[in-house]
Amino acid sequence: MLVVRGLILLILFEASLLGVVVVGDWPIPGFAGVALGELTRAGPMIPANALLTGVAVVTYAELRRRDDGCTTSALAAQLRARG
């Protein structure tokens, strides 16, 4: 459980660091500079958010396996039954 918490903290730290490092407006006056600055900040966050989603799914599956021995095929069957 400690490894899972450490992994989540590491990924969240990476995502927050990425959001802080990629900050800055373009030296273009007016709306264009602000828009390009926002796109520059938002662009790298897309892969970071995809990574965080993957970490959440894998963590959930790992915790379910530890809790009640649920397998991958059982999780897939549960998702098919609900969807």
Protein backbone atom coordinates (compact mmCIF):
# COMPACT_ATOMS: atom_id res chain seq x y z
CA MET A 1 0.00 0.00 0.00
CA LEU A 2 2.92 2.31 0.74
CA VAL A 3 4.29 1.73 -2.77
CA VAL A 4 0.96 2.70 -4.31
CA ARG A 5 0.79 5.90 -2.27
CA GLY A 6 4.38 6.73 -3.18
CA LEU A 7 3.64 6.20 -6.88
CA ILE A 8 0.59 8.46 -6.73
CA LEU A 9 2.55 11.16 -4.90
CA LEU A 10 5.37 10.94 -7.43
CA ILE A 11 3.02 11.27 -10.40
CA LEU A 12 1.13 14.18 -8.81
CA PHE A 13 4.42 15.92 -8.06
CA GLU A 14 5.52 15.46 -11.67
CA ALA A 15 2.25 16.86 -13.00
CA SER A 16 2.32 19.87 -10.68
CA LEU A 17 5.98 20.53 -11.49
CA LEU A 18 5.16 20.39 -15.19
CA GLY A 19 2.40 22.93 -14.66
CA VAL A 20 4.74 25.28 -12.81
CA VAL A 21 7.75 24.98 -15.13
CA VAL A 22 5.86 25.60 -18.36
CA VAL A 23 4.60 29.03 -17.37
CA GLY A 24 5.15 32.16 -19.35
CA ASP A 25 3.47 34.48 -21.77
CA TRP A 26 4.67 35.00 -25.27
CA PRO A 27 6.15 38.41 -26.02
CA ILE A 28 3.28 39.27 -28.34
CA PRO A 29 1.04 42.12 -27.27
CA GLY A 30 -2.67 41.66 -26.77
CA PHE A 31 -4.84 38.57 -26.95
CA ALA A 32 -2.47 36.57 -29.17
CA GLY A 33 0.27 36.53 -26.53
CA VAL A 34 -2.13 35.42 -23.81
CA ALA A 35 -3.69 32.74 -26.04
CA LEU A 36 -0.31 31.33 -27.05
CA GLY A 37 0.81 31.33 -23.42
CA GLU A 38 -2.27 29.36 -22.39
CA LEU A 39 -1.76 26.86 -25.20
CA THR A 40 1.87 26.49 -24.17
CA ARG A 41 0.79 25.67 -20.62
CA ALA A 42 -2.11 23.40 -21.59
CA GLY A 43 -0.27 21.40 -24.25
CA PRO A 44 2.09 19.44 -21.99
CA MET A 45 -0.69 18.84 -19.46
CA ILE A 46 -2.59 16.60 -21.90
CA PRO A 47 -0.06 13.72 -21.68
CA ALA A 48 0.32 14.32 -17.94
CA ASN A 49 -3.45 13.97 -17.44
CA ALA A 50 -3.50 10.82 -19.57
CA LEU A 51 -0.70 9.43 -17.41
CA LEU A 52 -2.60 10.29 -14.22
CA THR A 53 -5.69 8.53 -15.56
CA GLY A 54 -3.64 5.42 -16.28
CA VAL A 55 -2.12 5.51 -12.81
CA ALA A 56 -5.58 5.79 -11.25
CA VAL A 57 -6.89 2.80 -13.23
CA VAL A 58 -3.89 0.61 -12.46
CA THR A 59 -3.97 1.61 -8.79
CA TYR A 60 -7.68 0.76 -8.58
CA ALA A 61 -7.11 -2.65 -10.16
CA GLU A 62 -4.15 -3.35 -7.87
CA LEU A 63 -6.13 -2.40 -4.76
CA ARG A 64 -9.08 -4.56 -5.86
CA ARG A 65 -6.70 -7.49 -6.38
CA ARG A 66 -5.24 -7.04 -2.91
CA ASP A 67 -8.64 -6.57 -1.27
CA ASP A 68 -10.69 -9.43 -2.67
CA GLY A 69 -8.45 -11.20 -5.18
CA CYS A 70 -10.29 -9.75 -8.17
CA THR A 71 -8.67 -10.65 -11.50
CA THR A 72 -8.42 -8.65 -14.71
CA SER A 73 -11.06 -10.78 -16.41
CA ALA A 74 -13.43 -10.32 -13.45
CA LEU A 75 -12.95 -6.54 -13.61
CA ALA A 76 -13.66 -6.57 -17.35
CA ALA A 77 -16.81 -8.63 -16.79
CA GLN A 78 -18.01 -6.18 -14.13
CA LEU A 79 -17.44 -3.24 -16.49
CA ARG A 80 -19.35 -5.01 -19.29
CA ALA A 81 -22.27 -5.70 -16.97
CA ARG A 82 -22.56 -2.01 -16.00
CA GLY A 83 -21.97 -0.52 -19.44
